[in-house]
Amino acid sequence: MAHSKQNTALGAAYAAKRPEEVAALYDSWSETYDADMSTAGYRHPTICLALLARHLPRGAAPLLDAGAGTGLSGEWLAITGYPQVEALDISEGMLAKASAKGIYSALHCLALGGPLPFADNAYAGIVSAGVFTSGHVGAEGLDELIRICRPGGAIVLTVKNTLWEAGFAARIAELEAQGVVTRDEETAPYVSMPGEADTVPSRGLVLRVI
């Protein structure tokens, strides 16, 4: 069953210790990822789209889909008025699926959490759905996203509660106190996959770069 496979694949991804493990797991999952996440009722892309539309003008460009996967967020961005979006993901297999959809202006196979090969202020906005979570990327990924986002731009992301409580919230507070970002919106915790048992809640966050 797709539901069972989704549970197994996601559990393995959460438990991964090294970026190359994460990449390999998502490579092998790419063929059924869209169907599996649909079965699970995956909500992160929809939440991020709603937040972005509220905080970044229609047509703002370019955008970066950071952790794009197969392009679940990118599909909606193109439909709703953000036509120039680049994709970044650690998995070549997932990016191949995203590329086939024809929705991205560029594809970058890169890992978040370290230096990124983009210029300062390169993007008008950044979306990162389902990336700041167990076994993936922690608060160490924030600084580079802020660097490559233009002043006045919005960074829309989701954060799993376990990560939020383990230092992510404190890091956001530090960045606010330093005058680097403002927290324009923070959702109440919600279950990202209602079709998957024991899903730990996450929250959506909008950071405005100063």
Foldseek 3Di string as FASTA:
>chain_A
DLQVVVVVLVVQLLPADDLVSNQVSLLVCQVCVVVSLVLLQFCQLVVLVVVCPVQPPAQFDDEEAEQCFLNPNLVVSCVRRRQEYEYEHQYPNRVVNNVVVVRYPYYHNDAALDADPAAFQQTLEYEYTPQQERNHYALSRPPNRLRNHHQQHKYKYKHFPVRCVVCRVVVVVVCVVVVQWDWPDKADWDFRGNSHPPGGTMIMTMIHGD
